[in-house]
Protein backbone atom coordinates (compact mmCIF):
# COMPACT_ATOMS: atom_id res chain seq x y z
CA MET A 1 75.93 -14.11 -57.94
CA HIS A 2 75.05 -16.61 -60.45
CA ARG A 3 71.58 -17.38 -61.47
CA LYS A 4 69.97 -19.74 -64.48
CA PHE A 5 67.00 -19.19 -65.75
CA ALA A 6 65.14 -20.83 -69.03
CA SER A 7 64.72 -19.28 -72.29
CA LEU A 8 61.30 -18.47 -73.25
CA ALA A 9 61.60 -18.94 -77.19
CA ASN A 10 64.85 -21.44 -77.00
CA SER A 11 64.07 -23.75 -73.91
CA ASP A 12 64.22 -27.05 -76.52
CA LYS A 13 68.00 -26.02 -77.16
CA TYR A 14 69.66 -23.41 -74.70
CA GLY A 15 69.36 -21.99 -71.16
CA TYR A 16 70.19 -18.36 -70.01
CA CYS A 17 72.24 -17.47 -66.87
CA TYR A 18 73.55 -14.33 -65.24
CA ASP A 19 77.05 -14.86 -63.43
CA SER A 20 78.31 -11.80 -61.96
CA ASP A 21 81.98 -13.57 -61.28
CA LYS A 22 82.34 -14.43 -64.92
CA TRP A 23 85.55 -12.42 -66.67
CA GLU A 24 87.25 -12.72 -69.76
CA TYR A 25 88.44 -10.39 -72.21
CA ARG A 26 86.36 -8.73 -74.69
CA SER A 27 86.69 -5.50 -75.68
CA ASN A 28 82.89 -5.17 -76.96
CA PRO A 29 80.80 -7.58 -75.76
CA PHE A 30 77.50 -7.12 -77.05
CA LEU A 31 75.36 -7.09 -73.79
CA SER A 32 77.66 -7.91 -71.02
CA VAL A 33 80.07 -10.80 -70.34
CA SER A 34 77.77 -11.42 -67.45
CA PHE A 35 74.95 -12.28 -69.33
CA ARG A 36 75.59 -15.67 -70.69
CA MET A 37 73.84 -19.03 -72.34
CA PHE A 38 74.77 -22.15 -72.85
CA GLU A 39 73.71 -25.82 -74.59
CA THR A 40 70.78 -27.70 -73.17
CA TYR A 41 70.07 -30.61 -75.68
CA GLY A 42 66.27 -30.47 -74.25
CA ASP A 43 67.51 -31.47 -70.73
CA GLU A 44 65.89 -28.56 -69.05
CA LEU A 45 68.25 -26.33 -67.27
CA CYS A 46 71.15 -28.48 -66.98
CA GLN A 47 74.43 -27.44 -68.73
CA HIS A 48 75.79 -29.30 -71.49
CA SER A 49 78.36 -26.74 -72.67
CA THR A 50 80.45 -24.04 -71.41
CA ASP A 51 78.60 -20.86 -71.03
CA PHE A 52 79.24 -17.79 -73.39
CA PRO A 53 78.23 -14.34 -73.75
CA VAL A 54 74.88 -13.79 -75.29
CA PRO A 55 75.18 -12.70 -79.33
CA GLU A 56 72.99 -10.17 -80.93
CA GLU A 57 70.53 -13.10 -82.47
CA PHE A 58 69.46 -14.23 -79.00
CA ALA A 59 69.83 -10.77 -76.86
CA ILE A 60 65.86 -10.06 -77.40
CA ASP A 61 64.91 -13.71 -75.95
CA TYR A 62 67.49 -13.09 -73.33
CA LEU A 63 66.36 -9.98 -71.93
CA TYR A 64 62.32 -10.81 -72.18
CA SER A 65 63.65 -14.36 -70.26
CA LEU A 66 65.77 -12.14 -67.74
CA ALA A 67 62.59 -10.23 -67.19
CA ALA A 68 60.19 -13.15 -66.50
CA ALA A 69 63.35 -14.39 -63.94
CA LEU A 70 63.43 -10.93 -62.16
CA LEU A 71 59.66 -10.96 -61.53
CA GLU A 72 60.05 -13.97 -59.58
CA ASP A 73 63.72 -13.20 -57.99
CA GLN A 74 63.84 -10.61 -55.61
CA ASP A 75 67.70 -11.04 -54.82
CA LEU A 76 68.41 -10.96 -58.49
CA ALA A 77 66.23 -8.10 -59.50
CA ASP A 78 67.86 -5.78 -56.72
CA TYR A 79 71.40 -6.98 -57.69
CA ILE A 80 71.38 -6.05 -61.35
CA GLY A 81 68.65 -3.50 -61.23
CA TYR A 82 71.10 -0.91 -61.61
CA GLN A 83 72.61 -1.81 -64.99
CA PHE A 84 69.12 -1.17 -66.33
CA HIS A 85 69.40 2.60 -65.47
CA GLU A 86 72.24 4.15 -66.96
CA THR A 87 72.19 7.53 -67.04
CA VAL A 88 74.14 10.71 -68.60
CA SER A 89 74.09 13.65 -66.94
CA THR A 90 72.82 16.73 -68.92
CA ASP A 91 75.93 18.68 -68.10
CA ARG A 92 77.92 16.03 -69.73
CA LEU A 93 75.72 15.96 -72.91
CA LYS A 94 75.93 19.91 -73.13
CA PHE A 95 79.84 19.54 -72.71
CA ALA A 96 80.28 17.26 -75.48
CA ALA A 97 77.84 18.98 -77.48
CA SER A 98 80.04 22.17 -77.13
CA LEU A 99 83.07 20.53 -78.25
CA VAL A 100 83.51 21.42 -82.04
CA TYR A 101 87.17 21.98 -83.63
CA ASP A 102 87.50 25.16 -85.84
CA ALA A 103 90.42 24.66 -88.48
CA ALA A 104 91.06 28.33 -88.39
CA LYS A 105 91.94 28.57 -85.11
CA ASP A 106 92.75 25.17 -83.50
CA SER A 107 94.88 23.86 -86.61
CA SER A 108 97.97 25.68 -85.34
CA TRP A 109 100.65 23.52 -83.16
CA ASP A 110 100.66 26.54 -80.87
CA LYS A 111 97.11 27.21 -80.26
CA LYS A 112 95.67 23.54 -80.47
CA ARG A 113 92.97 22.91 -77.73
CA TYR A 114 92.74 20.05 -75.04
CA TYR A 115 89.68 18.87 -73.56
CA SER A 116 88.61 16.83 -70.52
CA THR A 117 85.29 15.20 -70.82
CA GLU A 118 85.83 14.22 -66.74
CA LEU A 119 86.78 17.53 -65.60
CA GLN A 120 84.42 19.16 -68.31
CA LYS A 121 87.37 21.87 -69.08
CA VAL A 122 88.87 22.84 -72.62
CA THR A 123 92.20 24.99 -72.68
CA ARG A 124 94.67 25.91 -75.12
CA ASN A 125 97.44 25.10 -72.40
CA ARG A 126 100.10 23.07 -73.97
CA GLU A 127 101.03 21.43 -71.19
CA LYS A 128 97.81 19.59 -70.79
CA GLN A 129 99.04 16.93 -73.44
CA HIS A 130 100.97 15.18 -70.94
CA ASP A 131 97.81 15.12 -68.60
CA ASN A 132 95.95 11.62 -69.00
CA ARG A 133 92.83 13.37 -68.29
CA TYR A 134 93.02 15.57 -71.68
CA ARG A 135 92.74 14.90 -75.26
CA GLU A 136 93.63 16.61 -78.18
CA LEU A 137 90.65 18.70 -80.14
CA THR A 138 90.29 17.30 -83.56
CA GLU A 139 87.95 17.06 -86.86
CA TYR A 140 86.30 14.25 -84.91
CA GLN A 141 84.76 16.58 -82.55
CA ASN A 142 82.30 18.34 -84.75
CA GLY A 143 79.16 18.69 -82.36
CA THR A 144 76.98 15.94 -84.09
CA PRO A 145 75.31 13.36 -82.66
CA GLU A 146 78.42 10.90 -83.46
CA SER A 147 80.49 13.03 -82.08
CA ILE A 148 78.52 13.42 -78.91
CA PHE A 149 78.10 9.78 -78.53
CA ALA A 150 81.92 8.94 -79.03
CA LEU A 151 82.71 11.50 -76.57
CA ILE A 152 80.04 10.19 -73.76
CA ASN A 153 80.15 6.22 -74.26
CA GLY A 154 84.42 6.39 -73.74
CA GLU A 155 86.38 3.21 -74.83
CA HIS A 156 85.45 0.46 -72.26
CA ALA A 157 81.59 0.41 -72.51
CA ASN A 158 79.70 -3.05 -72.85
CA GLY A 159 77.00 -3.55 -75.10
CA LEU A 160 74.42 -2.52 -72.60
CA GLN A 161 75.87 0.62 -71.36
CA ALA A 162 76.68 1.91 -74.77
CA TRP A 163 72.62 1.60 -76.24
CA GLN A 164 71.72 3.32 -73.24
CA ARG A 165 74.19 6.30 -73.50
CA ALA A 166 73.14 6.15 -77.56
CA ASP A 167 69.47 6.34 -76.47
CA ALA A 168 70.18 9.40 -73.94
CA VAL A 169 71.99 11.23 -76.78
CA ARG A 170 69.28 10.69 -79.26
CA GLN A 171 67.19 11.95 -76.98
CA TRP A 172 68.99 14.77 -75.83
CA CYS A 173 69.90 16.02 -79.75
CA ALA A 174 66.35 15.43 -80.51
CA ASP A 175 65.17 18.22 -77.92
CA ASN A 176 68.24 20.29 -78.25
CA LEU A 177 70.05 20.26 -81.84
CA LYS A 178 68.59 21.54 -84.70
CA LYS A 179 66.18 19.28 -87.11
CA ASN A 180 68.94 18.14 -89.51
CA GLN A 181 71.00 16.86 -86.41
CA TYR A 182 68.76 13.32 -86.04
CA MET A 183 70.13 10.17 -84.32
CA GLU A 184 68.99 6.70 -85.72
CA MET A 185 67.52 4.32 -83.00
CA PRO A 186 70.44 3.22 -80.33
CA ALA A 187 70.40 -0.58 -81.99
CA VAL A 188 70.33 0.81 -85.93
CA TYR A 189 72.72 3.47 -84.64
CA LEU A 190 75.24 0.32 -83.09
CA LYS A 191 74.77 -1.26 -86.04
CA TRP A 192 73.36 -4.58 -83.93
CA PHE A 193 70.99 -6.28 -86.46
CA GLN A 194 71.57 -7.35 -90.04
CA GLY A 195 69.11 -7.09 -92.67
CA VAL A 196 67.34 -4.66 -94.69
CA GLN A 197 66.29 -1.47 -93.01
CA HIS A 198 62.96 -2.61 -92.23
CA ASP A 199 63.83 -5.61 -90.68
CA GLN A 200 66.60 -3.22 -88.75
CA TYR A 201 64.42 -1.07 -87.28
CA GLU A 202 61.67 -3.85 -86.06
CA GLN A 203 64.24 -5.79 -84.57
CA ALA A 204 65.36 -2.06 -83.03
CA ARG A 205 61.91 -1.52 -81.61
CA ARG A 206 61.79 -5.40 -80.17
CA PHE A 207 65.07 -4.79 -78.46
CA HIS A 208 63.96 -1.64 -76.81
CA ALA A 209 60.86 -3.11 -75.49
CA ALA A 210 62.83 -6.19 -74.16
CA PHE A 211 65.13 -3.60 -72.19
CA ASP A 212 62.02 -1.80 -70.76
CA ALA A 213 60.88 -5.19 -69.84
CA CYS A 214 63.32 -5.98 -67.68
CA GLN A 215 63.89 -2.39 -66.24
CA SER A 216 60.35 -2.52 -64.97
CA ALA A 217 60.65 -5.89 -63.34
CA SER A 218 63.26 -4.82 -61.77
CA ASP A 219 61.86 -1.77 -60.61
CA SER A 220 58.69 -3.32 -59.53
CA HIS A 221 60.28 -4.67 -56.69
CA ARG A 222 61.99 -1.90 -55.61
CA LEU A 223 58.34 0.34 -56.06
CA ARG A 224 56.71 -2.45 -54.06
CA LYS A 225 58.83 -2.25 -51.08
CA SER A 226 58.59 1.58 -51.24
CA ALA A 227 55.03 1.22 -51.18
CA ALA A 228 55.26 -1.45 -48.24
CA GLN A 229 57.34 1.22 -46.37
CA ASP A 230 54.82 3.75 -46.92
CA VAL A 231 52.10 1.78 -45.88
CA GLU A 232 54.04 0.71 -42.77
CA ASN A 233 54.57 4.20 -41.83
CA TYR A 234 51.06 5.21 -42.15
CA ARG A 235 49.96 2.54 -40.07
CA ASN A 236 52.68 3.44 -37.48
CA GLN A 237 51.18 7.20 -37.76
CA LEU A 238 47.89 5.81 -37.21
CA LYS A 239 48.88 3.49 -34.00
CA ARG A 240 50.49 6.28 -32.33
CA LYS A 241 47.58 8.76 -32.82
CA ALA A 242 45.57 6.12 -31.19
CA GLU A 243 47.65 5.72 -28.25
CA LYS A 244 48.13 9.26 -27.96
CA GLU A 245 44.44 9.45 -28.28
CA ALA A 246 43.78 6.68 -25.71
CA LEU A 247 46.29 8.33 -22.55
CA ALA A 248 44.40 11.91 -23.16
CA ALA A 249 41.00 9.92 -23.14
CA ALA A 250 42.60 7.79 -19.75
CA ALA A 251 43.89 11.05 -18.43
CA ALA A 252 40.37 12.73 -18.49
CA LEU A 253 38.71 9.77 -17.00
CA ALA A 254 41.07 9.80 -14.43
CA GLU A 255 40.29 13.80 -13.88
CA GLN A 256 36.99 13.34 -13.76
CA ALA A 257 36.98 10.22 -11.12
CA ALA A 258 38.96 12.49 -8.66
CA PRO A 259 36.70 13.92 -5.92
CA ALA A 260 36.21 17.71 -6.17
CA ALA A 261 37.21 20.08 -2.88
CA PRO A 262 34.57 22.00 -1.30
CA GLN A 263 33.95 25.59 -3.07
CA ASN A 264 34.20 27.32 -0.13
CA GLU A 265 37.38 25.49 1.57
CA THR A 266 40.61 27.37 1.51
CA PRO A 267 44.25 25.95 0.32
CA ALA A 268 45.28 25.84 4.08
CA MET A 269 42.22 23.85 5.08
CA GLN A 270 42.98 21.56 1.87
CA ALA A 271 46.15 20.86 2.79
CA GLU A 272 45.00 20.38 6.62
CA SER A 273 42.68 17.56 5.62
CA ALA A 274 45.01 15.75 3.30
CA THR A 275 47.36 15.44 6.71
CA ALA A 276 44.67 14.42 8.20
């Protein structure tokens, strides 16, 4: 899918687009290689340069501009809505937090432990060192938020995925770890924005709000369709109920209109009358 949309803050210079078919090798795109921008030189959305991934200084405006586009474009919202719902299961977070290296027990070559975040298993079986699903437990696995995030995030996440996973780790750590196990706001932790600490926190809050706007805009179409379906189901229920009541009323009228048999007439006499 390819969609162009205007920048809310920089429409005199740049345009934005979403391109699901764009692929280029970048080990850590800031948001996603599909989130792109280009030069317009003030010529509305006419592209006057090769598009390129959105860098950090344009990320907040890009997300707000994307939210505006999502409100108007249901197909786009349906297509990319899942990208704003990266989830991390509680079991994965608990497992990552449980991986704590013990130098006294794990340093010996014949007692090394190996873990698999995919299988959520830990073993001292040395044969697992040749299993690609397993990694050796080292001093870097220490149960801190930083360790948990490194285990959860993996090696190939784009920026948007990393931010959501960091947010999930931050919330889980706040609810489950000791008070001194604090994790910074995701954008601050990922060192996305430069400047003094106050500016970094302000940018991090603005990014969170822009992300929420995209999530809400994409969800609005899904929720609207769900509400419309619920209303339609209720209308159908009322229609079926009305039809059933109408049939019952018609049957009652037909029964009332039918001539009643004389009370002293026997069944045999009724049959004879019907034959005649």
